[in-house]
Every structure is written in structure tokens, then in C-alpha cells.
Amino acid sequence: MKPNVKPLGDRIIVRRLEEAEVKKGGIIIPDTAKEKPLEAEVVALGTGKKNDDGKAMPFEVKEGNRVLIGKYSGTEVTISDVEYTILREEDILAIVG
């Protein structure tokens, strides 16, 4: 689902992907104690970063890419009851697969 928001400049909107919950030994970990997932899906791209000549540089990622981001990267926002993270392209660590 794509949010009805367009990021500006070199910003990207991603949706963190929930990891498969694994229960070992019957212990259930509450949601408040779980770590944020590091894997996310790119859902929207801004217009791109400008180089010294004022030309837009293309993004290395595209919508639909699965990426790795830092635990505390970006700014979290909720749009239509869905949590997204807005971050800069340089905050993306890697493209998965």
C-alpha cells in the first residue's frame, strides 16, 4: 500500500517489515520489548539529490526494493494507521536480494 504522501528531495519513505516471530521454550516476548526490524520496503521516493551543477542524481533504490536500515534511522510517521519511516537515501545500508 502506497501512502498518499510524496517525500521531498533525497528523502525516501519505507515500511519496516516485521520479522517472523519465533517462540523458543514457550516464552512470549511482548511487543514493547521487541527490537525494530532492520529490513524495510521502499514505498515512495522523493525527487532526488542535486549535484553541484543542479542536475538531479538518480536514486540507487527504487520502489518495491527491500533494504536494510539502521534501528534508529529516520523519522517515524503514521499515515492512515500504517507506520512508515522517512529517511535519506544515505541512511540505507544495503539492498536485499
PDB file of N, CA and C in Angstrom:
ATOM      1  N   MET A   1       0.840  -1.171   0.000  1.00  0.00           N
ATOM      2  CA  MET A   1       0.000   0.000   0.000  1.00  0.00           C
ATOM      3  C   MET A   1       0.893   1.244   0.000  1.00  0.00           C
ATOM      4  N   LYS A   2       0.668   2.128  -0.932  1.00  0.00           N
ATOM      5  CA  LYS A   2       1.470   3.336  -1.072  1.00  0.00           C
ATOM      6  C   LYS A   2       0.793   4.485  -0.328  1.00  0.00           C
ATOM      7  N   PRO A   3       1.560   5.216   0.502  1.00  0.00           N
ATOM      8  CA  PRO A   3       0.946   6.329   1.227  1.00  0.00           C
ATOM      9  C   PRO A   3       0.620   7.484   0.285  1.00  0.00           C
ATOM     10  N   ASN A   4      -0.311   8.322   0.706  1.00  0.00           N
ATOM     11  CA  ASN A   4      -0.709   9.479  -0.087  1.00  0.00           C
ATOM     12  C   ASN A   4       0.188  10.671   0.262  1.00  0.00           C
ATOM     13  N   VAL A   5       1.505  10.429   0.321  1.00  0.00           N
ATOM     14  CA  VAL A   5       2.484  11.444   0.687  1.00  0.00           C
ATOM     15  C   VAL A   5       3.667  11.322  -0.260  1.00  0.00           C
ATOM     16  N   LYS A   6       4.201  12.445  -0.715  1.00  0.00           N
ATOM     17  CA  LYS A   6       5.368  12.460  -1.601  1.00  0.00           C
ATOM     18  C   LYS A   6       6.547  13.054  -0.830  1.00  0.00           C
ATOM     19  N   PRO A   7       7.617  12.281  -0.611  1.00  0.00           N
ATOM     20  CA  PRO A   7       8.780  12.830   0.091  1.00  0.00           C
ATOM     21  C   PRO A   7       9.503  13.869  -0.776  1.00  0.00           C
ATOM     22  N   LEU A   8      10.190  14.789  -0.137  1.00  0.00           N
ATOM     23  CA  LEU A   8      10.906  15.852  -0.834  1.00  0.00           C
ATOM     24  C   LEU A   8      12.389  15.531  -0.958  1.00  0.00           C
ATOM     25  N   GLY A   9      13.030  16.068  -1.992  1.00  0.00           N
ATOM     26  CA  GLY A   9      14.482  15.942  -2.162  1.00  0.00           C
ATOM     27  C   GLY A   9      14.948  14.508  -2.208  1.00  0.00           C
ATOM     28  N   ASP A  10      16.000  14.203  -1.425  1.00  0.00           N
ATOM     29  CA  ASP A  10      16.572  12.850  -1.440  1.00  0.00           C
ATOM     30  C   ASP A  10      15.985  11.970  -0.340  1.00  0.00           C
ATOM     31  N   ARG A  11      14.793  12.309   0.114  1.00  0.00           N
ATOM     32  CA  ARG A  11      14.162  11.504   1.151  1.00  0.00           C
ATOM     33  C   ARG A  11      13.370  10.343   0.538  1.00  0.00           C
ATOM     34  N   ILE A  12      13.265   9.285   1.344  1.00  0.00           N
ATOM     35  CA  ILE A  12      12.608   8.050   0.914  1.00  0.00           C
ATOM     36  C   ILE A  12      11.663   7.617   2.023  1.00  0.00           C
ATOM     37  N   ILE A  13      10.504   7.091   1.655  1.00  0.00           N
ATOM     38  CA  ILE A  13       9.583   6.533   2.635  1.00  0.00           C
ATOM     39  C   ILE A  13       9.677   5.013   2.556  1.00  0.00           C
ATOM     40  N   VAL A  14       9.902   4.380   3.711  1.00  0.00           N
ATOM     41  CA  VAL A  14       9.972   2.922   3.774  1.00  0.00           C
ATOM     42  C   VAL A  14       8.989   2.428   4.830  1.00  0.00           C
ATOM     43  N   ARG A  15       8.583   1.167   4.675  1.00  0.00           N
ATOM     44  CA  ARG A  15       7.743   0.494   5.664  1.00  0.00           C
ATOM     45  C   ARG A  15       8.558  -0.658   6.222  1.00  0.00           C
ATOM     46  N   ARG A  16       8.794  -0.627   7.529  1.00  0.00           N
ATOM     47  CA  ARG A  16       9.575  -1.700   8.154  1.00  0.00           C
ATOM     48  C   ARG A  16       8.816  -3.015   8.045  1.00  0.00           C
ATOM     49  N   LEU A  17       9.540  -4.080   7.710  1.00  0.00           N
ATOM     50  CA  LEU A  17       8.935  -5.400   7.559  1.00  0.00           C
ATOM     51  C   LEU A  17       9.078  -6.158   8.863  1.00  0.00           C
ATOM     52  N   GLU A  18       7.994  -6.718   9.317  1.00  0.00           N
ATOM     53  CA  GLU A  18       8.008  -7.474  10.569  1.00  0.00           C
ATOM     54  C   GLU A  18       8.714  -8.805  10.354  1.00  0.00           C
ATOM     55  N   GLU A  19       9.582  -9.134  11.289  1.00  0.00           N
ATOM     56  CA  GLU A  19      10.275 -10.418  11.222  1.00  0.00           C
ATOM     57  C   GLU A  19       9.336 -11.507  11.706  1.00  0.00           C
ATOM     58  N   ALA A  20       9.548 -12.709  11.199  1.00  0.00           N
ATOM     59  CA  ALA A  20       8.732 -13.838  11.643  1.00  0.00           C
ATOM     60  C   ALA A  20       8.976 -14.064  13.132  1.00  0.00           C
ATOM     61  N   GLU A  21       7.901 -14.152  13.891  1.00  0.00           N
ATOM     62  CA  GLU A  21       8.022 -14.304  15.339  1.00  0.00           C
ATOM     63  C   GLU A  21       8.387 -15.742  15.671  1.00  0.00           C
ATOM     64  N   VAL A  22       9.478 -15.910  16.384  1.00  0.00           N
ATOM     65  CA  VAL A  22       9.930 -17.239  16.773  1.00  0.00           C
ATOM     66  C   VAL A  22       9.809 -17.351  18.284  1.00  0.00           C
ATOM     67  N   LYS A  23       9.081 -18.358  18.718  1.00  0.00           N
ATOM     68  CA  LYS A  23       8.911 -18.589  20.150  1.00  0.00           C
ATOM     69  C   LYS A  23       9.762 -19.792  20.527  1.00  0.00           C
ATOM     70  N   LYS A  24      10.708 -19.562  21.429  1.00  0.00           N
ATOM     71  CA  LYS A  24      11.553 -20.661  21.887  1.00  0.00           C
ATOM     72  C   LYS A  24      11.219 -20.954  23.338  1.00  0.00           C
ATOM     73  N   GLY A  25      10.981 -22.181  23.640  1.00  0.00           N
ATOM     74  CA  GLY A  25      10.720 -22.573  25.017  1.00  0.00           C
ATOM     75  C   GLY A  25       9.406 -22.038  25.567  1.00  0.00           C
ATOM     76  N   GLY A  26       8.494 -21.653  24.704  1.00  0.00           N
ATOM     77  CA  GLY A  26       7.193 -21.193  25.154  1.00  0.00           C
ATOM     78  C   GLY A  26       7.182 -19.781  25.716  1.00  0.00           C
ATOM     79  N   ILE A  27       8.280 -19.032  25.576  1.00  0.00           N
ATOM     80  CA  ILE A  27       8.324 -17.662  26.094  1.00  0.00           C
ATOM     81  C   ILE A  27       7.782 -16.718  25.029  1.00  0.00           C
ATOM     82  N   ILE A  28       6.836 -15.898  25.425  1.00  0.00           N
ATOM     83  CA  ILE A  28       6.260 -14.914  24.513  1.00  0.00           C
ATOM     84  C   ILE A  28       6.822 -13.553  24.880  1.00  0.00           C
ATOM     85  N   ILE A  29       7.442 -12.890  23.908  1.00  0.00           N
ATOM     86  CA  ILE A  29       8.040 -11.582  24.138  1.00  0.00           C
ATOM     87  C   ILE A  29       6.999 -10.515  23.801  1.00  0.00           C
ATOM     88  N   PRO A  30       6.704  -9.599  24.737  1.00  0.00           N
ATOM     89  CA  PRO A  30       5.719  -8.558  24.430  1.00  0.00           C
ATOM     90  C   PRO A  30       6.223  -7.604  23.357  1.00  0.00           C
ATOM     91  N   ASP A  31       5.283  -6.965  22.645  1.00  0.00           N
ATOM     92  CA  ASP A  31       5.638  -6.055  21.561  1.00  0.00           C
ATOM     93  C   ASP A  31       6.551  -4.929  22.018  1.00  0.00           C
ATOM     94  N   THR A  32       6.402  -4.462  23.247  1.00  0.00           N
ATOM     95  CA  THR A  32       7.217  -3.350  23.734  1.00  0.00           C
ATOM     96  C   THR A  32       8.673  -3.738  23.929  1.00  0.00           C
ATOM     97  N   ALA A  33       8.966  -5.024  24.065  1.00  0.00           N
ATOM     98  CA  ALA A  33      10.341  -5.475  24.285  1.00  0.00           C
ATOM     99  C   ALA A  33      11.027  -5.897  22.993  1.00  0.00           C
ATOM    100  N   LYS A  34      10.285  -5.966  21.910  1.00  0.00           N
ATOM    101  CA  LYS A  34      10.871  -6.392  20.634  1.00  0.00           C
ATOM    102  C   LYS A  34      11.683  -5.268  20.025  1.00  0.00           C
ATOM    103  N   GLU A  35      12.744  -5.643  19.310  1.00  0.00           N
ATOM    104  CA  GLU A  35      13.555  -4.652  18.607  1.00  0.00           C
ATOM    105  C   GLU A  35      12.900  -4.301  17.279  1.00  0.00           C
ATOM    106  N   LYS A  36      13.216  -3.105  16.790  1.00  0.00           N
ATOM    107  CA  LYS A  36      12.686  -2.684  15.500  1.00  0.00           C
ATOM    108  C   LYS A  36      13.311  -3.532  14.404  1.00  0.00           C
ATOM    109  N   PRO A  37      12.545  -3.912  13.402  1.00  0.00           N
ATOM    110  CA  PRO A  37      13.118  -4.680  12.298  1.00  0.00           C
ATOM    111  C   PRO A  37      14.095  -3.821  11.495  1.00  0.00           C
ATOM    112  N   LEU A  38      15.127  -4.452  10.972  1.00  0.00           N
ATOM    113  CA  LEU A  38      16.129  -3.750  10.187  1.00  0.00           C
ATOM    114  C   LEU A  38      15.798  -3.767   8.708  1.00  0.00           C
ATOM    115  N   GLU A  39      14.909  -4.649   8.308  1.00  0.00           N
ATOM    116  CA  GLU A  39      14.560  -4.772   6.898  1.00  0.00           C
ATOM    117  C   GLU A  39      13.301  -3.969   6.620  1.00  0.00           C
ATOM    118  N   ALA A  40      13.296  -3.276   5.470  1.00  0.00           N
ATOM    119  CA  ALA A  40      12.154  -2.434   5.115  1.00  0.00           C
ATOM    120  C   ALA A  40      11.926  -2.494   3.619  1.00  0.00           C
ATOM    121  N   GLU A  41      10.743  -2.062   3.202  1.00  0.00           N
ATOM    122  CA  GLU A  41      10.392  -1.988   1.781  1.00  0.00           C
ATOM    123  C   GLU A  41      10.242  -0.525   1.394  1.00  0.00           C
ATOM    124  N   VAL A  42      10.858  -0.146   0.280  1.00  0.00           N
ATOM    125  CA  VAL A  42      10.753   1.223  -0.213  1.00  0.00           C
ATOM    126  C   VAL A  42       9.374   1.409  -0.823  1.00  0.00           C
ATOM    127  N   VAL A  43       8.625   2.421  -0.338  1.00  0.00           N
ATOM    128  CA  VAL A  43       7.275   2.646  -0.854  1.00  0.00           C
ATOM    129  C   VAL A  43       7.145   3.949  -1.639  1.00  0.00           C
ATOM    130  N   ALA A  44       8.041   4.915  -1.421  1.00  0.00           N
ATOM    131  CA  ALA A  44       7.966   6.175  -2.174  1.00  0.00           C
ATOM    132  C   ALA A  44       9.338   6.853  -2.193  1.00  0.00           C
ATOM    133  N   LEU A  45       9.630   7.527  -3.306  1.00  0.00           N
ATOM    134  CA  LEU A  45      10.900   8.229  -3.478  1.00  0.00           C
ATOM    135  C   LEU A  45      10.637   9.708  -3.698  1.00  0.00           C
ATOM    136  N   GLY A  46      11.570  10.539  -3.230  1.00  0.00           N
ATOM    137  CA  GLY A  46      11.487  11.972  -3.474  1.00  0.00           C
ATOM    138  C   GLY A  46      11.950  12.290  -4.887  1.00  0.00           C
ATOM    139  N   THR A  47      12.354  13.526  -5.104  1.00  0.00           N
ATOM    140  CA  THR A  47      12.770  13.968  -6.435  1.00  0.00           C
ATOM    141  C   THR A  47      14.238  13.680  -6.707  1.00  0.00           C
ATOM    142  N   GLY A  48      15.022  13.412  -5.683  1.00  0.00           N
ATOM    143  CA  GLY A  48      16.439  13.096  -5.852  1.00  0.00           C
ATOM    144  C   GLY A  48      17.343  14.216  -5.376  1.00  0.00           C
ATOM    145  N   LYS A  49      18.571  13.860  -5.105  1.00  0.00           N
ATOM    146  CA  LYS A  49      19.575  14.812  -4.651  1.00  0.00           C
ATOM    147  C   LYS A  49      20.128  15.569  -5.849  1.00  0.00           C
ATOM    148  N   LYS A  50      20.470  16.807  -5.660  1.00  0.00           N
ATOM    149  CA  LYS A  50      21.045  17.624  -6.737  1.00  0.00           C
ATOM    150  C   LYS A  50      22.573  17.608  -6.616  1.00  0.00           C
ATOM    151  N   ASN A  51      23.253  17.536  -7.768  1.00  0.00           N
ATOM    152  CA  ASN A  51      24.710  17.617  -7.746  1.00  0.00           C
ATOM    153  C   ASN A  51      25.130  19.083  -7.817  1.00  0.00           C
ATOM    154  N   ASP A  52      26.421  19.353  -7.938  1.00  0.00           N
ATOM    155  CA  ASP A  52      26.931  20.729  -7.951  1.00  0.00           C
ATOM    156  C   ASP A  52      26.421  21.544  -9.129  1.00  0.00           C
ATOM    157  N   ASP A  53      26.068  20.868 -10.227  1.00  0.00           N
ATOM    158  CA  ASP A  53      25.556  21.560 -11.409  1.00  0.00           C
ATOM    159  C   ASP A  53      24.048  21.799 -11.340  1.00  0.00           C
ATOM    160  N   GLY A  54      23.402  21.302 -10.286  1.00  0.00           N
ATOM    161  CA  GLY A  54      21.959  21.475 -10.144  1.00  0.00           C
ATOM    162  C   GLY A  54      21.142  20.398 -10.825  1.00  0.00           C
ATOM    163  N   LYS A  55      21.806  19.369 -11.357  1.00  0.00           N
ATOM    164  CA  LYS A  55      21.086  18.271 -12.011  1.00  0.00           C
ATOM    165  C   LYS A  55      20.714  17.216 -10.968  1.00  0.00           C
ATOM    166  N   ALA A  56      19.526  16.647 -11.126  1.00  0.00           N
ATOM    167  CA  ALA A  56      19.064  15.608 -10.209  1.00  0.00           C
ATOM    168  C   ALA A  56      19.841  14.316 -10.437  1.00  0.00           C
ATOM    169  N   MET A  57      20.330  13.741  -9.350  1.00  0.00           N
ATOM    170  CA  MET A  57      21.028  12.460  -9.427  1.00  0.00           C
ATOM    171  C   MET A  57      20.010  11.349  -9.171  1.00  0.00           C
ATOM    172  N   PRO A  58      20.036  10.275  -9.958  1.00  0.00           N
ATOM    173  CA  PRO A  58      19.051   9.204  -9.777  1.00  0.00           C
ATOM    174  C   PRO A  58      19.283   8.439  -8.471  1.00  0.00           C
ATOM    175  N   PHE A  59      18.202   7.897  -7.924  1.00  0.00           N
ATOM    176  CA  PHE A  59      18.304   7.073  -6.726  1.00  0.00           C
ATOM    177  C   PHE A  59      18.923   5.720  -7.078  1.00  0.00           C
ATOM    178  N   GLU A  60      19.626   5.124  -6.125  1.00  0.00           N
ATOM    179  CA  GLU A  60      20.151   3.774  -6.315  1.00  0.00           C
ATOM    180  C   GLU A  60      19.090   2.732  -5.989  1.00  0.00           C
ATOM    181  N   VAL A  61      18.075   3.120  -5.236  1.00  0.00           N
ATOM    182  CA  VAL A  61      16.980   2.203  -4.902  1.00  0.00           C
ATOM    183  C   VAL A  61      15.750   2.613  -5.701  1.00  0.00           C
ATOM    184  N   LYS A  62      14.796   1.716  -5.787  1.00  0.00           N
ATOM    185  CA  LYS A  62      13.539   2.034  -6.466  1.00  0.00           C
ATOM    186  C   LYS A  62      12.394   1.484  -5.624  1.00  0.00           C
ATOM    187  N   GLU A  63      11.200   1.933  -5.920  1.00  0.00           N
ATOM    188  CA  GLU A  63      10.036   1.473  -5.172  1.00  0.00           C
ATOM    189  C   GLU A  63       9.920  -0.046  -5.266  1.00  0.00           C
ATOM    190  N   GLY A  64       9.633  -0.664  -4.134  1.00  0.00           N
ATOM    191  CA  GLY A  64       9.493  -2.116  -4.083  1.00  0.00           C
ATOM    192  C   GLY A  64      10.761  -2.831  -3.624  1.00  0.00           C
ATOM    193  N   ASN A  65      11.921  -2.138  -3.639  1.00  0.00           N
ATOM    194  CA  ASN A  65      13.164  -2.749  -3.157  1.00  0.00           C
ATOM    195  C   ASN A  65      13.063  -3.056  -1.670  1.00  0.00           C
ATOM    196  N   ARG A  66      13.673  -4.176  -1.273  1.00  0.00           N
ATOM    197  CA  ARG A  66      13.826  -4.496   0.148  1.00  0.00           C
ATOM    198  C   ARG A  66      15.207  -4.004   0.537  1.00  0.00           C
ATOM    199  N   VAL A  67      15.276  -3.232   1.618  1.00  0.00           N
ATOM    200  CA  VAL A  67      16.529  -2.613   2.033  1.00  0.00           C
ATOM    201  C   VAL A  67      16.783  -2.855   3.516  1.00  0.00           C
ATOM    202  N   LEU A  68      18.033  -2.675   3.923  1.00  0.00           N
ATOM    203  CA  LEU A  68      18.400  -2.723   5.330  1.00  0.00           C
ATOM    204  C   LEU A  68      18.637  -1.298   5.806  1.00  0.00           C
ATOM    205  N   ILE A  69      18.039  -0.960   6.945  1.00  0.00           N
ATOM    206  CA  ILE A  69      18.233   0.366   7.526  1.00  0.00           C
ATOM    207  C   ILE A  69      18.623   0.197   8.988  1.00  0.00           C
ATOM    208  N   GLY A  70      19.190   1.230   9.572  1.00  0.00           N
ATOM    209  CA  GLY A  70      19.581   1.191  10.976  1.00  0.00           C
ATOM    210  C   GLY A  70      18.373   1.181  11.901  1.00  0.00           C
ATOM    211  N   LYS A  71      18.561   0.696  13.130  1.00  0.00           N
ATOM    212  CA  LYS A  71      17.468   0.616  14.102  1.00  0.00           C
ATOM    213  C   LYS A  71      16.818   1.972  14.355  1.00  0.00           C
ATOM    214  N   TYR A  72      17.649   2.995  14.442  1.00  0.00           N
ATOM    215  CA  TYR A  72      17.136   4.315  14.821  1.00  0.00           C
ATOM    216  C   TYR A  72      17.217   5.315  13.681  1.00  0.00           C
ATOM    217  N   SER A  73      17.243   4.832  12.447  1.00  0.00           N
ATOM    218  CA  SER A  73      17.333   5.709  11.276  1.00  0.00           C
ATOM    219  C   SER A  73      16.000   6.381  10.991  1.00  0.00           C
ATOM    220  N   GLY A  74      16.064   7.601  10.510  1.00  0.00           N
ATOM    221  CA  GLY A  74      14.890   8.287  10.008  1.00  0.00           C
ATOM    222  C   GLY A  74      13.917   8.771  11.061  1.00  0.00           C
ATOM    223  N   THR A  75      12.794   9.227  10.560  1.00  0.00           N
ATOM    224  CA  THR A  75      11.711   9.745  11.386  1.00  0.00           C
ATOM    225  C   THR A  75      10.477   8.887  11.155  1.00  0.00           C
ATOM    226  N   GLU A  76       9.909   8.389  12.240  1.00  0.00           N
ATOM    227  CA  GLU A  76       8.733   7.530  12.112  1.00  0.00           C
ATOM    228  C   GLU A  76       7.467   8.375  12.050  1.00  0.00           C
ATOM    229  N   VAL A  77       6.596   8.038  11.110  1.00  0.00           N
ATOM    230  CA  VAL A  77       5.312   8.718  10.953  1.00  0.00           C
ATOM    231  C   VAL A  77       4.221   7.671  10.757  1.00  0.00           C
ATOM    232  N   THR A  78       3.001   8.026  11.119  1.00  0.00           N
ATOM    233  CA  THR A  78       1.854   7.140  10.910  1.00  0.00           C
ATOM    234  C   THR A  78       0.915   7.815   9.926  1.00  0.00           C
ATOM    235  N   ILE A  79       0.633   7.123   8.825  1.00  0.00           N
ATOM    236  CA  ILE A  79      -0.256   7.632   7.791  1.00  0.00           C
ATOM    237  C   ILE A  79      -1.333   6.575   7.566  1.00  0.00           C
ATOM    238  N   SER A  80      -2.573   6.934   7.762  1.00  0.00           N
ATOM    239  CA  SER A  80      -3.703   6.005   7.603  1.00  0.00           C
ATOM    240  C   SER A  80      -3.497   4.724   8.407  1.00  0.00           C
ATOM    241  N   ASP A  81      -3.081   4.880   9.659  1.00  0.00           N
ATOM    242  CA  ASP A  81      -2.878   3.770  10.600  1.00  0.00           C
ATOM    243  C   ASP A  81      -1.762   2.810  10.195  1.00  0.00           C
ATOM    244  N   VAL A  82      -0.882   3.215   9.292  1.00  0.00           N
ATOM    245  CA  VAL A  82       0.271   2.403   8.898  1.00  0.00           C
ATOM    246  C   VAL A  82       1.525   3.180   9.267  1.00  0.00           C
ATOM    247  N   GLU A  83       2.482   2.496   9.921  1.00  0.00           N
ATOM    248  CA  GLU A  83       3.712   3.166  10.326  1.00  0.00           C
ATOM    249  C   GLU A  83       4.741   3.127   9.205  1.00  0.00           C
ATOM    250  N   TYR A  84       5.301   4.285   8.899  1.00  0.00           N
ATOM    251  CA  TYR A  84       6.336   4.425   7.886  1.00  0.00           C
ATOM    252  C   TYR A  84       7.537   5.124   8.513  1.00  0.00           C
ATOM    253  N   THR A  85       8.684   5.026   7.855  1.00  0.00           N
ATOM    254  CA  THR A  85       9.871   5.752   8.261  1.00  0.00           C
ATOM    255  C   THR A  85      10.338   6.588   7.085  1.00  0.00           C
ATOM    256  N   ILE A  86      10.573   7.873   7.332  1.00  0.00           N
ATOM    257  CA  ILE A  86      11.105   8.765   6.301  1.00  0.00           C
ATOM    258  C   ILE A  86      12.577   8.960   6.597  1.00  0.00           C
ATOM    259  N   LEU A  87      13.425   8.665   5.601  1.00  0.00           N
ATOM    260  CA  LEU A  87      14.867   8.798   5.785  1.00  0.00           C
ATOM    261  C   LEU A  87      15.526   9.241   4.494  1.00  0.00           C
ATOM    262  N   ARG A  88      16.777   9.588   4.593  1.00  0.00           N
ATOM    263  CA  ARG A  88      17.544   9.977   3.404  1.00  0.00           C
ATOM    264  C   ARG A  88      18.147   8.724   2.772  1.00  0.00           C
ATOM    265  N   GLU A  89      18.440   8.804   1.489  1.00  0.00           N
ATOM    266  CA  GLU A  89      18.999   7.636   0.795  1.00  0.00           C
ATOM    267  C   GLU A  89      20.300   7.197   1.441  1.00  0.00           C
ATOM    268  N   GLU A  90      21.098   8.128   1.945  1.00  0.00           N
ATOM    269  CA  GLU A  90      22.377   7.776   2.554  1.00  0.00           C
ATOM    270  C   GLU A  90      22.222   6.984   3.844  1.00  0.00           C
ATOM    271  N   ASP A  91      21.003   6.952   4.446  1.00  0.00           N
ATOM    272  CA  ASP A  91      20.758   6.170   5.647  1.00  0.00           C
ATOM    273  C   ASP A  91      20.454   4.710   5.339  1.00  0.00           C
ATOM    274  N   ILE A  92      20.278   4.369   4.067  1.00  0.00           N
ATOM    275  CA  ILE A  92      20.045   2.981   3.684  1.00  0.00           C
ATOM    276  C   ILE A  92      21.392   2.265   3.636  1.00  0.00           C
ATOM    277  N   LEU A  93      21.463   1.128   4.327  1.00  0.00           N
ATOM    278  CA  LEU A  93      22.722   0.397   4.452  1.00  0.00           C
ATOM    279  C   LEU A  93      22.976  -0.539   3.279  1.00  0.00           C
ATOM    280  N   ALA A  94      21.917  -1.194   2.767  1.00  0.00           N
ATOM    281  CA  ALA A  94      22.096  -2.169   1.690  1.00  0.00           C
ATOM    282  C   ALA A  94      20.757  -2.494   1.047  1.00  0.00           C
ATOM    283  N   ILE A  95      20.822  -3.012  -0.173  1.00  0.00           N
ATOM    284  CA  ILE A  95      19.645  -3.528  -0.867  1.00  0.00           C
ATOM    285  C   ILE A  95      19.683  -5.042  -0.695  1.00  0.00           C
ATOM    286  N   VAL A  96      18.564  -5.638  -0.282  1.00  0.00           N
ATOM    287  CA  VAL A  96      18.498  -7.072  -0.053  1.00  0.00           C
ATOM    288  C   VAL A  96      18.003  -7.756  -1.312  1.00  0.00           C
ATOM    289  N   GLY A  97      18.727  -8.784  -1.744  1.00  0.00           N
ATOM    290  CA  GLY A  97      18.341  -9.601  -2.887  1.00  0.00           C
ATOM    291  C   GLY A  97      18.211  -8.851  -4.114  1.00  0.00           C
TER     292      GLY A  97
END
